[in-house]
Amino acid sequence: PCRKETQVELSLTDARSIGVAAPV
């Protein structure tokens, strides 16, 4: 269901491929 805050979960490969810095 909906959460308090929006969050996007990507693999590190996904994040790099679209130019996003995603910390673990």
PDBML (XML) file of the C-alpha atoms, coordinates in Angstrom:
<?xml version="1.0" encoding="UTF-8" ?>
<PDBx:datablock datablockName="MODEL"
   xmlns:PDBx="http://pdbml.pdb.org/schema/pdbx-v50.xsd"
   xmlns:xsi="http://www.w3.org/2001/XMLSchema-instance"
   xsi:schemaLocation="http://pdbml.pdb.org/schema/pdbx-v50.xsd pdbx-v50.xsd">
   <PDBx:atom_siteCategory>
      <PDBx:atom_site id="1">
         <PDBx:B_iso_or_equiv>0.00</PDBx:B_iso_or_equiv>
         <PDBx:Cartn_x>0.000</PDBx:Cartn_x>
         <PDBx:Cartn_y>0.000</PDBx:Cartn_y>
         <PDBx:Cartn_z>0.000</PDBx:Cartn_z>
         <PDBx:auth_asym_id>A</PDBx:auth_asym_id>
         <PDBx:auth_atom_id>CA</PDBx:auth_atom_id>
         <PDBx:auth_comp_id>PRO</PDBx:auth_comp_id>
         <PDBx:auth_seq_id>1</PDBx:auth_seq_id>
         <PDBx:group_PDB>ATOM</PDBx:group_PDB>
         <PDBx:label_alt_id xsi:nil="true" />
         <PDBx:label_asym_id>A</PDBx:label_asym_id>
         <PDBx:label_atom_id>CA</PDBx:label_atom_id>
         <PDBx:label_comp_id>PRO</PDBx:label_comp_id>
         <PDBx:label_entity_id>1</PDBx:label_entity_id>
         <PDBx:label_seq_id>1</PDBx:label_seq_id>
         <PDBx:occupancy>1.00</PDBx:occupancy>
         <PDBx:pdbx_PDB_model_num>1</PDBx:pdbx_PDB_model_num>
         <PDBx:type_symbol>C</PDBx:type_symbol>
      </PDBx:atom_site>
      <PDBx:atom_site id="2">
         <PDBx:B_iso_or_equiv>0.00</PDBx:B_iso_or_equiv>
         <PDBx:Cartn_x>0.926</PDBx:Cartn_x>
         <PDBx:Cartn_y>3.691</PDBx:Cartn_y>
         <PDBx:Cartn_z>0.018</PDBx:Cartn_z>
         <PDBx:auth_asym_id>A</PDBx:auth_asym_id>
         <PDBx:auth_atom_id>CA</PDBx:auth_atom_id>
         <PDBx:auth_comp_id>CYS</PDBx:auth_comp_id>
         <PDBx:auth_seq_id>2</PDBx:auth_seq_id>
         <PDBx:group_PDB>ATOM</PDBx:group_PDB>
         <PDBx:label_alt_id xsi:nil="true" />
         <PDBx:label_asym_id>A</PDBx:label_asym_id>
         <PDBx:label_atom_id>CA</PDBx:label_atom_id>
         <PDBx:label_comp_id>CYS</PDBx:label_comp_id>
         <PDBx:label_entity_id>1</PDBx:label_entity_id>
         <PDBx:label_seq_id>2</PDBx:label_seq_id>
         <PDBx:occupancy>1.00</PDBx:occupancy>
         <PDBx:pdbx_PDB_model_num>1</PDBx:pdbx_PDB_model_num>
         <PDBx:type_symbol>C</PDBx:type_symbol>
      </PDBx:atom_site>
      <PDBx:atom_site id="3">
         <PDBx:B_iso_or_equiv>0.00</PDBx:B_iso_or_equiv>
         <PDBx:Cartn_x>3.753</PDBx:Cartn_x>
         <PDBx:Cartn_y>4.703</PDBx:Cartn_y>
         <PDBx:Cartn_z>2.337</PDBx:Cartn_z>
         <PDBx:auth_asym_id>A</PDBx:auth_asym_id>
         <PDBx:auth_atom_id>CA</PDBx:auth_atom_id>
         <PDBx:auth_comp_id>ARG</PDBx:auth_comp_id>
         <PDBx:auth_seq_id>3</PDBx:auth_seq_id>
         <PDBx:group_PDB>ATOM</PDBx:group_PDB>
         <PDBx:label_alt_id xsi:nil="true" />
         <PDBx:label_asym_id>A</PDBx:label_asym_id>
         <PDBx:label_atom_id>CA</PDBx:label_atom_id>
         <PDBx:label_comp_id>ARG</PDBx:label_comp_id>
         <PDBx:label_entity_id>1</PDBx:label_entity_id>
         <PDBx:label_seq_id>3</PDBx:label_seq_id>
         <PDBx:occupancy>1.00</PDBx:occupancy>
         <PDBx:pdbx_PDB_model_num>1</PDBx:pdbx_PDB_model_num>
         <PDBx:type_symbol>C</PDBx:type_symbol>
      </PDBx:atom_site>
      <PDBx:atom_site id="4">
         <PDBx:B_iso_or_equiv>0.00</PDBx:B_iso_or_equiv>
         <PDBx:Cartn_x>4.588</PDBx:Cartn_x>
         <PDBx:Cartn_y>7.821</PDBx:Cartn_y>
         <PDBx:Cartn_z>4.292</PDBx:Cartn_z>
         <PDBx:auth_asym_id>A</PDBx:auth_asym_id>
         <PDBx:auth_atom_id>CA</PDBx:auth_atom_id>
         <PDBx:auth_comp_id>LYS</PDBx:auth_comp_id>
         <PDBx:auth_seq_id>4</PDBx:auth_seq_id>
         <PDBx:group_PDB>ATOM</PDBx:group_PDB>
         <PDBx:label_alt_id xsi:nil="true" />
         <PDBx:label_asym_id>A</PDBx:label_asym_id>
         <PDBx:label_atom_id>CA</PDBx:label_atom_id>
         <PDBx:label_comp_id>LYS</PDBx:label_comp_id>
         <PDBx:label_entity_id>1</PDBx:label_entity_id>
         <PDBx:label_seq_id>4</PDBx:label_seq_id>
         <PDBx:occupancy>1.00</PDBx:occupancy>
         <PDBx:pdbx_PDB_model_num>1</PDBx:pdbx_PDB_model_num>
         <PDBx:type_symbol>C</PDBx:type_symbol>
      </PDBx:atom_site>
      <PDBx:atom_site id="5">
         <PDBx:B_iso_or_equiv>0.00</PDBx:B_iso_or_equiv>
         <PDBx:Cartn_x>7.267</PDBx:Cartn_x>
         <PDBx:Cartn_y>8.808</PDBx:Cartn_y>
         <PDBx:Cartn_z>1.753</PDBx:Cartn_z>
         <PDBx:auth_asym_id>A</PDBx:auth_asym_id>
         <PDBx:auth_atom_id>CA</PDBx:auth_atom_id>
         <PDBx:auth_comp_id>GLU</PDBx:auth_comp_id>
         <PDBx:auth_seq_id>5</PDBx:auth_seq_id>
         <PDBx:group_PDB>ATOM</PDBx:group_PDB>
         <PDBx:label_alt_id xsi:nil="true" />
         <PDBx:label_asym_id>A</PDBx:label_asym_id>
         <PDBx:label_atom_id>CA</PDBx:label_atom_id>
         <PDBx:label_comp_id>GLU</PDBx:label_comp_id>
         <PDBx:label_entity_id>1</PDBx:label_entity_id>
         <PDBx:label_seq_id>5</PDBx:label_seq_id>
         <PDBx:occupancy>1.00</PDBx:occupancy>
         <PDBx:pdbx_PDB_model_num>1</PDBx:pdbx_PDB_model_num>
         <PDBx:type_symbol>C</PDBx:type_symbol>
      </PDBx:atom_site>
      <PDBx:atom_site id="6">
         <PDBx:B_iso_or_equiv>0.00</PDBx:B_iso_or_equiv>
         <PDBx:Cartn_x>7.850</PDBx:Cartn_x>
         <PDBx:Cartn_y>7.907</PDBx:Cartn_y>
         <PDBx:Cartn_z>-1.877</PDBx:Cartn_z>
         <PDBx:auth_asym_id>A</PDBx:auth_asym_id>
         <PDBx:auth_atom_id>CA</PDBx:auth_atom_id>
         <PDBx:auth_comp_id>THR</PDBx:auth_comp_id>
         <PDBx:auth_seq_id>6</PDBx:auth_seq_id>
         <PDBx:group_PDB>ATOM</PDBx:group_PDB>
         <PDBx:label_alt_id xsi:nil="true" />
         <PDBx:label_asym_id>A</PDBx:label_asym_id>
         <PDBx:label_atom_id>CA</PDBx:label_atom_id>
         <PDBx:label_comp_id>THR</PDBx:label_comp_id>
         <PDBx:label_entity_id>1</PDBx:label_entity_id>
         <PDBx:label_seq_id>6</PDBx:label_seq_id>
         <PDBx:occupancy>1.00</PDBx:occupancy>
         <PDBx:pdbx_PDB_model_num>1</PDBx:pdbx_PDB_model_num>
         <PDBx:type_symbol>C</PDBx:type_symbol>
      </PDBx:atom_site>
      <PDBx:atom_site id="7">
         <PDBx:B_iso_or_equiv>0.00</PDBx:B_iso_or_equiv>
         <PDBx:Cartn_x>10.802</PDBx:Cartn_x>
         <PDBx:Cartn_y>5.582</PDBx:Cartn_y>
         <PDBx:Cartn_z>-2.494</PDBx:Cartn_z>
         <PDBx:auth_asym_id>A</PDBx:auth_asym_id>
         <PDBx:auth_atom_id>CA</PDBx:auth_atom_id>
         <PDBx:auth_comp_id>GLN</PDBx:auth_comp_id>
         <PDBx:auth_seq_id>7</PDBx:auth_seq_id>
         <PDBx:group_PDB>ATOM</PDBx:group_PDB>
         <PDBx:label_alt_id xsi:nil="true" />
         <PDBx:label_asym_id>A</PDBx:label_asym_id>
         <PDBx:label_atom_id>CA</PDBx:label_atom_id>
         <PDBx:label_comp_id>GLN</PDBx:label_comp_id>
         <PDBx:label_entity_id>1</PDBx:label_entity_id>
         <PDBx:label_seq_id>7</PDBx:label_seq_id>
         <PDBx:occupancy>1.00</PDBx:occupancy>
         <PDBx:pdbx_PDB_model_num>1</PDBx:pdbx_PDB_model_num>
         <PDBx:type_symbol>C</PDBx:type_symbol>
      </PDBx:atom_site>
      <PDBx:atom_site id="8">
         <PDBx:B_iso_or_equiv>0.00</PDBx:B_iso_or_equiv>
         <PDBx:Cartn_x>12.274</PDBx:Cartn_x>
         <PDBx:Cartn_y>4.114</PDBx:Cartn_y>
         <PDBx:Cartn_z>-5.693</PDBx:Cartn_z>
         <PDBx:auth_asym_id>A</PDBx:auth_asym_id>
         <PDBx:auth_atom_id>CA</PDBx:auth_atom_id>
         <PDBx:auth_comp_id>VAL</PDBx:auth_comp_id>
         <PDBx:auth_seq_id>8</PDBx:auth_seq_id>
         <PDBx:group_PDB>ATOM</PDBx:group_PDB>
         <PDBx:label_alt_id xsi:nil="true" />
         <PDBx:label_asym_id>A</PDBx:label_asym_id>
         <PDBx:label_atom_id>CA</PDBx:label_atom_id>
         <PDBx:label_comp_id>VAL</PDBx:label_comp_id>
         <PDBx:label_entity_id>1</PDBx:label_entity_id>
         <PDBx:label_seq_id>8</PDBx:label_seq_id>
         <PDBx:occupancy>1.00</PDBx:occupancy>
         <PDBx:pdbx_PDB_model_num>1</PDBx:pdbx_PDB_model_num>
         <PDBx:type_symbol>C</PDBx:type_symbol>
      </PDBx:atom_site>
      <PDBx:atom_site id="9">
         <PDBx:B_iso_or_equiv>0.00</PDBx:B_iso_or_equiv>
         <PDBx:Cartn_x>14.238</PDBx:Cartn_x>
         <PDBx:Cartn_y>0.859</PDBx:Cartn_y>
         <PDBx:Cartn_z>-5.414</PDBx:Cartn_z>
         <PDBx:auth_asym_id>A</PDBx:auth_asym_id>
         <PDBx:auth_atom_id>CA</PDBx:auth_atom_id>
         <PDBx:auth_comp_id>GLU</PDBx:auth_comp_id>
         <PDBx:auth_seq_id>9</PDBx:auth_seq_id>
         <PDBx:group_PDB>ATOM</PDBx:group_PDB>
         <PDBx:label_alt_id xsi:nil="true" />
         <PDBx:label_asym_id>A</PDBx:label_asym_id>
         <PDBx:label_atom_id>CA</PDBx:label_atom_id>
         <PDBx:label_comp_id>GLU</PDBx:label_comp_id>
         <PDBx:label_entity_id>1</PDBx:label_entity_id>
         <PDBx:label_seq_id>9</PDBx:label_seq_id>
         <PDBx:occupancy>1.00</PDBx:occupancy>
         <PDBx:pdbx_PDB_model_num>1</PDBx:pdbx_PDB_model_num>
         <PDBx:type_symbol>C</PDBx:type_symbol>
      </PDBx:atom_site>
      <PDBx:atom_site id="10">
         <PDBx:B_iso_or_equiv>0.00</PDBx:B_iso_or_equiv>
         <PDBx:Cartn_x>16.645</PDBx:Cartn_x>
         <PDBx:Cartn_y>0.086</PDBx:Cartn_y>
         <PDBx:Cartn_z>-8.261</PDBx:Cartn_z>
         <PDBx:auth_asym_id>A</PDBx:auth_asym_id>
         <PDBx:auth_atom_id>CA</PDBx:auth_atom_id>
         <PDBx:auth_comp_id>LEU</PDBx:auth_comp_id>
         <PDBx:auth_seq_id>10</PDBx:auth_seq_id>
         <PDBx:group_PDB>ATOM</PDBx:group_PDB>
         <PDBx:label_alt_id xsi:nil="true" />
         <PDBx:label_asym_id>A</PDBx:label_asym_id>
         <PDBx:label_atom_id>CA</PDBx:label_atom_id>
         <PDBx:label_comp_id>LEU</PDBx:label_comp_id>
         <PDBx:label_entity_id>1</PDBx:label_entity_id>
         <PDBx:label_seq_id>10</PDBx:label_seq_id>
         <PDBx:occupancy>1.00</PDBx:occupancy>
         <PDBx:pdbx_PDB_model_num>1</PDBx:pdbx_PDB_model_num>
         <PDBx:type_symbol>C</PDBx:type_symbol>
      </PDBx:atom_site>
      <PDBx:atom_site id="11">
         <PDBx:B_iso_or_equiv>0.00</PDBx:B_iso_or_equiv>
         <PDBx:Cartn_x>19.572</PDBx:Cartn_x>
         <PDBx:Cartn_y>-2.264</PDBx:Cartn_y>
         <PDBx:Cartn_z>-8.688</PDBx:Cartn_z>
         <PDBx:auth_asym_id>A</PDBx:auth_asym_id>
         <PDBx:auth_atom_id>CA</PDBx:auth_atom_id>
         <PDBx:auth_comp_id>SER</PDBx:auth_comp_id>
         <PDBx:auth_seq_id>11</PDBx:auth_seq_id>
         <PDBx:group_PDB>ATOM</PDBx:group_PDB>
         <PDBx:label_alt_id xsi:nil="true" />
         <PDBx:label_asym_id>A</PDBx:label_asym_id>
         <PDBx:label_atom_id>CA</PDBx:label_atom_id>
         <PDBx:label_comp_id>SER</PDBx:label_comp_id>
         <PDBx:label_entity_id>1</PDBx:label_entity_id>
         <PDBx:label_seq_id>11</PDBx:label_seq_id>
         <PDBx:occupancy>1.00</PDBx:occupancy>
         <PDBx:pdbx_PDB_model_num>1</PDBx:pdbx_PDB_model_num>
         <PDBx:type_symbol>C</PDBx:type_symbol>
      </PDBx:atom_site>
      <PDBx:atom_site id="12">
         <PDBx:B_iso_or_equiv>0.00</PDBx:B_iso_or_equiv>
         <PDBx:Cartn_x>22.932</PDBx:Cartn_x>
         <PDBx:Cartn_y>-0.508</PDBx:Cartn_y>
         <PDBx:Cartn_z>-8.943</PDBx:Cartn_z>
         <PDBx:auth_asym_id>A</PDBx:auth_asym_id>
         <PDBx:auth_atom_id>CA</PDBx:auth_atom_id>
         <PDBx:auth_comp_id>LEU</PDBx:auth_comp_id>
         <PDBx:auth_seq_id>12</PDBx:auth_seq_id>
         <PDBx:group_PDB>ATOM</PDBx:group_PDB>
         <PDBx:label_alt_id xsi:nil="true" />
         <PDBx:label_asym_id>A</PDBx:label_asym_id>
         <PDBx:label_atom_id>CA</PDBx:label_atom_id>
         <PDBx:label_comp_id>LEU</PDBx:label_comp_id>
         <PDBx:label_entity_id>1</PDBx:label_entity_id>
         <PDBx:label_seq_id>12</PDBx:label_seq_id>
         <PDBx:occupancy>1.00</PDBx:occupancy>
         <PDBx:pdbx_PDB_model_num>1</PDBx:pdbx_PDB_model_num>
         <PDBx:type_symbol>C</PDBx:type_symbol>
      </PDBx:atom_site>
      <PDBx:atom_site id="13">
         <PDBx:B_iso_or_equiv>0.00</PDBx:B_iso_or_equiv>
         <PDBx:Cartn_x>23.043</PDBx:Cartn_x>
         <PDBx:Cartn_y>-1.406</PDBx:Cartn_y>
         <PDBx:Cartn_z>-12.655</PDBx:Cartn_z>
         <PDBx:auth_asym_id>A</PDBx:auth_asym_id>
         <PDBx:auth_atom_id>CA</PDBx:auth_atom_id>
         <PDBx:auth_comp_id>THR</PDBx:auth_comp_id>
         <PDBx:auth_seq_id>13</PDBx:auth_seq_id>
         <PDBx:group_PDB>ATOM</PDBx:group_PDB>
         <PDBx:label_alt_id xsi:nil="true" />
         <PDBx:label_asym_id>A</PDBx:label_asym_id>
         <PDBx:label_atom_id>CA</PDBx:label_atom_id>
         <PDBx:label_comp_id>THR</PDBx:label_comp_id>
         <PDBx:label_entity_id>1</PDBx:label_entity_id>
         <PDBx:label_seq_id>13</PDBx:label_seq_id>
         <PDBx:occupancy>1.00</PDBx:occupancy>
         <PDBx:pdbx_PDB_model_num>1</PDBx:pdbx_PDB_model_num>
         <PDBx:type_symbol>C</PDBx:type_symbol>
      </PDBx:atom_site>
      <PDBx:atom_site id="14">
         <PDBx:B_iso_or_equiv>0.00</PDBx:B_iso_or_equiv>
         <PDBx:Cartn_x>19.577</PDBx:Cartn_x>
         <PDBx:Cartn_y>0.128</PDBx:Cartn_y>
         <PDBx:Cartn_z>-13.160</PDBx:Cartn_z>
         <PDBx:auth_asym_id>A</PDBx:auth_asym_id>
         <PDBx:auth_atom_id>CA</PDBx:auth_atom_id>
         <PDBx:auth_comp_id>ASP</PDBx:auth_comp_id>
         <PDBx:auth_seq_id>14</PDBx:auth_seq_id>
         <PDBx:group_PDB>ATOM</PDBx:group_PDB>
         <PDBx:label_alt_id xsi:nil="true" />
         <PDBx:label_asym_id>A</PDBx:label_asym_id>
         <PDBx:label_atom_id>CA</PDBx:label_atom_id>
         <PDBx:label_comp_id>ASP</PDBx:label_comp_id>
         <PDBx:label_entity_id>1</PDBx:label_entity_id>
         <PDBx:label_seq_id>14</PDBx:label_seq_id>
         <PDBx:occupancy>1.00</PDBx:occupancy>
         <PDBx:pdbx_PDB_model_num>1</PDBx:pdbx_PDB_model_num>
         <PDBx:type_symbol>C</PDBx:type_symbol>
      </PDBx:atom_site>
      <PDBx:atom_site id="15">
         <PDBx:B_iso_or_equiv>0.00</PDBx:B_iso_or_equiv>
         <PDBx:Cartn_x>20.586</PDBx:Cartn_x>
         <PDBx:Cartn_y>3.297</PDBx:Cartn_y>
         <PDBx:Cartn_z>-11.323</PDBx:Cartn_z>
         <PDBx:auth_asym_id>A</PDBx:auth_asym_id>
         <PDBx:auth_atom_id>CA</PDBx:auth_atom_id>
         <PDBx:auth_comp_id>ALA</PDBx:auth_comp_id>
         <PDBx:auth_seq_id>15</PDBx:auth_seq_id>
         <PDBx:group_PDB>ATOM</PDBx:group_PDB>
         <PDBx:label_alt_id xsi:nil="true" />
         <PDBx:label_asym_id>A</PDBx:label_asym_id>
         <PDBx:label_atom_id>CA</PDBx:label_atom_id>
         <PDBx:label_comp_id>ALA</PDBx:label_comp_id>
         <PDBx:label_entity_id>1</PDBx:label_entity_id>
         <PDBx:label_seq_id>15</PDBx:label_seq_id>
         <PDBx:occupancy>1.00</PDBx:occupancy>
         <PDBx:pdbx_PDB_model_num>1</PDBx:pdbx_PDB_model_num>
         <PDBx:type_symbol>C</PDBx:type_symbol>
      </PDBx:atom_site>
      <PDBx:atom_site id="16">
         <PDBx:B_iso_or_equiv>0.00</PDBx:B_iso_or_equiv>
         <PDBx:Cartn_x>23.820</PDBx:Cartn_x>
         <PDBx:Cartn_y>3.754</PDBx:Cartn_y>
         <PDBx:Cartn_z>-13.301</PDBx:Cartn_z>
         <PDBx:auth_asym_id>A</PDBx:auth_asym_id>
         <PDBx:auth_atom_id>CA</PDBx:auth_atom_id>
         <PDBx:auth_comp_id>ARG</PDBx:auth_comp_id>
         <PDBx:auth_seq_id>16</PDBx:auth_seq_id>
         <PDBx:group_PDB>ATOM</PDBx:group_PDB>
         <PDBx:label_alt_id xsi:nil="true" />
         <PDBx:label_asym_id>A</PDBx:label_asym_id>
         <PDBx:label_atom_id>CA</PDBx:label_atom_id>
         <PDBx:label_comp_id>ARG</PDBx:label_comp_id>
         <PDBx:label_entity_id>1</PDBx:label_entity_id>
         <PDBx:label_seq_id>16</PDBx:label_seq_id>
         <PDBx:occupancy>1.00</PDBx:occupancy>
         <PDBx:pdbx_PDB_model_num>1</PDBx:pdbx_PDB_model_num>
         <PDBx:type_symbol>C</PDBx:type_symbol>
      </PDBx:atom_site>
      <PDBx:atom_site id="17">
         <PDBx:B_iso_or_equiv>0.00</PDBx:B_iso_or_equiv>
         <PDBx:Cartn_x>22.060</PDBx:Cartn_x>
         <PDBx:Cartn_y>3.116</PDBx:Cartn_y>
         <PDBx:Cartn_z>-16.605</PDBx:Cartn_z>
         <PDBx:auth_asym_id>A</PDBx:auth_asym_id>
         <PDBx:auth_atom_id>CA</PDBx:auth_atom_id>
         <PDBx:auth_comp_id>SER</PDBx:auth_comp_id>
         <PDBx:auth_seq_id>17</PDBx:auth_seq_id>
         <PDBx:group_PDB>ATOM</PDBx:group_PDB>
         <PDBx:label_alt_id xsi:nil="true" />
         <PDBx:label_asym_id>A</PDBx:label_asym_id>
         <PDBx:label_atom_id>CA</PDBx:label_atom_id>
         <PDBx:label_comp_id>SER</PDBx:label_comp_id>
         <PDBx:label_entity_id>1</PDBx:label_entity_id>
         <PDBx:label_seq_id>17</PDBx:label_seq_id>
         <PDBx:occupancy>1.00</PDBx:occupancy>
         <PDBx:pdbx_PDB_model_num>1</PDBx:pdbx_PDB_model_num>
         <PDBx:type_symbol>C</PDBx:type_symbol>
      </PDBx:atom_site>
      <PDBx:atom_site id="18">
         <PDBx:B_iso_or_equiv>0.00</PDBx:B_iso_or_equiv>
         <PDBx:Cartn_x>19.683</PDBx:Cartn_x>
         <PDBx:Cartn_y>6.068</PDBx:Cartn_y>
         <PDBx:Cartn_z>-16.100</PDBx:Cartn_z>
         <PDBx:auth_asym_id>A</PDBx:auth_asym_id>
         <PDBx:auth_atom_id>CA</PDBx:auth_atom_id>
         <PDBx:auth_comp_id>ILE</PDBx:auth_comp_id>
         <PDBx:auth_seq_id>18</PDBx:auth_seq_id>
         <PDBx:group_PDB>ATOM</PDBx:group_PDB>
         <PDBx:label_alt_id xsi:nil="true" />
         <PDBx:label_asym_id>A</PDBx:label_asym_id>
         <PDBx:label_atom_id>CA</PDBx:label_atom_id>
         <PDBx:label_comp_id>ILE</PDBx:label_comp_id>
         <PDBx:label_entity_id>1</PDBx:label_entity_id>
         <PDBx:label_seq_id>18</PDBx:label_seq_id>
         <PDBx:occupancy>1.00</PDBx:occupancy>
         <PDBx:pdbx_PDB_model_num>1</PDBx:pdbx_PDB_model_num>
         <PDBx:type_symbol>C</PDBx:type_symbol>
      </PDBx:atom_site>
      <PDBx:atom_site id="19">
         <PDBx:B_iso_or_equiv>0.00</PDBx:B_iso_or_equiv>
         <PDBx:Cartn_x>22.194</PDBx:Cartn_x>
         <PDBx:Cartn_y>8.342</PDBx:Cartn_y>
         <PDBx:Cartn_z>-14.361</PDBx:Cartn_z>
         <PDBx:auth_asym_id>A</PDBx:auth_asym_id>
         <PDBx:auth_atom_id>CA</PDBx:auth_atom_id>
         <PDBx:auth_comp_id>GLY</PDBx:auth_comp_id>
         <PDBx:auth_seq_id>19</PDBx:auth_seq_id>
         <PDBx:group_PDB>ATOM</PDBx:group_PDB>
         <PDBx:label_alt_id xsi:nil="true" />
         <PDBx:label_asym_id>A</PDBx:label_asym_id>
         <PDBx:label_atom_id>CA</PDBx:label_atom_id>
         <PDBx:label_comp_id>GLY</PDBx:label_comp_id>
         <PDBx:label_entity_id>1</PDBx:label_entity_id>
         <PDBx:label_seq_id>19</PDBx:label_seq_id>
         <PDBx:occupancy>1.00</PDBx:occupancy>
         <PDBx:pdbx_PDB_model_num>1</PDBx:pdbx_PDB_model_num>
         <PDBx:type_symbol>C</PDBx:type_symbol>
      </PDBx:atom_site>
      <PDBx:atom_site id="20">
         <PDBx:B_iso_or_equiv>0.00</PDBx:B_iso_or_equiv>
         <PDBx:Cartn_x>21.004</PDBx:Cartn_x>
         <PDBx:Cartn_y>8.155</PDBx:Cartn_y>
         <PDBx:Cartn_z>-10.766</PDBx:Cartn_z>
         <PDBx:auth_asym_id>A</PDBx:auth_asym_id>
         <PDBx:auth_atom_id>CA</PDBx:auth_atom_id>
         <PDBx:auth_comp_id>VAL</PDBx:auth_comp_id>
         <PDBx:auth_seq_id>20</PDBx:auth_seq_id>
         <PDBx:group_PDB>ATOM</PDBx:group_PDB>
         <PDBx:label_alt_id xsi:nil="true" />
         <PDBx:label_asym_id>A</PDBx:label_asym_id>
         <PDBx:label_atom_id>CA</PDBx:label_atom_id>
         <PDBx:label_comp_id>VAL</PDBx:label_comp_id>
         <PDBx:label_entity_id>1</PDBx:label_entity_id>
         <PDBx:label_seq_id>20</PDBx:label_seq_id>
         <PDBx:occupancy>1.00</PDBx:occupancy>
         <PDBx:pdbx_PDB_model_num>1</PDBx:pdbx_PDB_model_num>
         <PDBx:type_symbol>C</PDBx:type_symbol>
      </PDBx:atom_site>
      <PDBx:atom_site id="21">
         <PDBx:B_iso_or_equiv>0.00</PDBx:B_iso_or_equiv>
         <PDBx:Cartn_x>23.228</PDBx:Cartn_x>
         <PDBx:Cartn_y>7.865</PDBx:Cartn_y>
         <PDBx:Cartn_z>-7.691</PDBx:Cartn_z>
         <PDBx:auth_asym_id>A</PDBx:auth_asym_id>
         <PDBx:auth_atom_id>CA</PDBx:auth_atom_id>
         <PDBx:auth_comp_id>ALA</PDBx:auth_comp_id>
         <PDBx:auth_seq_id>21</PDBx:auth_seq_id>
         <PDBx:group_PDB>ATOM</PDBx:group_PDB>
         <PDBx:label_alt_id xsi:nil="true" />
         <PDBx:label_asym_id>A</PDBx:label_asym_id>
         <PDBx:label_atom_id>CA</PDBx:label_atom_id>
         <PDBx:label_comp_id>ALA</PDBx:label_comp_id>
         <PDBx:label_entity_id>1</PDBx:label_entity_id>
         <PDBx:label_seq_id>21</PDBx:label_seq_id>
         <PDBx:occupancy>1.00</PDBx:occupancy>
         <PDBx:pdbx_PDB_model_num>1</PDBx:pdbx_PDB_model_num>
         <PDBx:type_symbol>C</PDBx:type_symbol>
      </PDBx:atom_site>
      <PDBx:atom_site id="22">
         <PDBx:B_iso_or_equiv>0.00</PDBx:B_iso_or_equiv>
         <PDBx:Cartn_x>21.494</PDBx:Cartn_x>
         <PDBx:Cartn_y>5.255</PDBx:Cartn_y>
         <PDBx:Cartn_z>-5.529</PDBx:Cartn_z>
         <PDBx:auth_asym_id>A</PDBx:auth_asym_id>
         <PDBx:auth_atom_id>CA</PDBx:auth_atom_id>
         <PDBx:auth_comp_id>ALA</PDBx:auth_comp_id>
         <PDBx:auth_seq_id>22</PDBx:auth_seq_id>
         <PDBx:group_PDB>ATOM</PDBx:group_PDB>
         <PDBx:label_alt_id xsi:nil="true" />
         <PDBx:label_asym_id>A</PDBx:label_asym_id>
         <PDBx:label_atom_id>CA</PDBx:label_atom_id>
         <PDBx:label_comp_id>ALA</PDBx:label_comp_id>
         <PDBx:label_entity_id>1</PDBx:label_entity_id>
         <PDBx:label_seq_id>22</PDBx:label_seq_id>
         <PDBx:occupancy>1.00</PDBx:occupancy>
         <PDBx:pdbx_PDB_model_num>1</PDBx:pdbx_PDB_model_num>
         <PDBx:type_symbol>C</PDBx:type_symbol>
      </PDBx:atom_site>
      <PDBx:atom_site id="23">
         <PDBx:B_iso_or_equiv>0.00</PDBx:B_iso_or_equiv>
         <PDBx:Cartn_x>23.138</PDBx:Cartn_x>
         <PDBx:Cartn_y>4.482</PDBx:Cartn_y>
         <PDBx:Cartn_z>-2.187</PDBx:Cartn_z>
         <PDBx:auth_asym_id>A</PDBx:auth_asym_id>
         <PDBx:auth_atom_id>CA</PDBx:auth_atom_id>
         <PDBx:auth_comp_id>PRO</PDBx:auth_comp_id>
         <PDBx:auth_seq_id>23</PDBx:auth_seq_id>
         <PDBx:group_PDB>ATOM</PDBx:group_PDB>
         <PDBx:label_alt_id xsi:nil="true" />
         <PDBx:label_asym_id>A</PDBx:label_asym_id>
         <PDBx:label_atom_id>CA</PDBx:label_atom_id>
         <PDBx:label_comp_id>PRO</PDBx:label_comp_id>
         <PDBx:label_entity_id>1</PDBx:label_entity_id>
         <PDBx:label_seq_id>23</PDBx:label_seq_id>
         <PDBx:occupancy>1.00</PDBx:occupancy>
         <PDBx:pdbx_PDB_model_num>1</PDBx:pdbx_PDB_model_num>
         <PDBx:type_symbol>C</PDBx:type_symbol>
      </PDBx:atom_site>
      <PDBx:atom_site id="24">
         <PDBx:B_iso_or_equiv>0.00</PDBx:B_iso_or_equiv>
         <PDBx:Cartn_x>22.739</PDBx:Cartn_x>
         <PDBx:Cartn_y>0.990</PDBx:Cartn_y>
         <PDBx:Cartn_z>-0.722</PDBx:Cartn_z>
         <PDBx:auth_asym_id>A</PDBx:auth_asym_id>
         <PDBx:auth_atom_id>CA</PDBx:auth_atom_id>
         <PDBx:auth_comp_id>VAL</PDBx:auth_comp_id>
         <PDBx:auth_seq_id>24</PDBx:auth_seq_id>
         <PDBx:group_PDB>ATOM</PDBx:group_PDB>
         <PDBx:label_alt_id xsi:nil="true" />
         <PDBx:label_asym_id>A</PDBx:label_asym_id>
         <PDBx:label_atom_id>CA</PDBx:label_atom_id>
         <PDBx:label_comp_id>VAL</PDBx:label_comp_id>
         <PDBx:label_entity_id>1</PDBx:label_entity_id>
         <PDBx:label_seq_id>24</PDBx:label_seq_id>
         <PDBx:occupancy>1.00</PDBx:occupancy>
         <PDBx:pdbx_PDB_model_num>1</PDBx:pdbx_PDB_model_num>
         <PDBx:type_symbol>C</PDBx:type_symbol>
      </PDBx:atom_site>
   </PDBx:atom_siteCategory>
</PDBx:datablock>
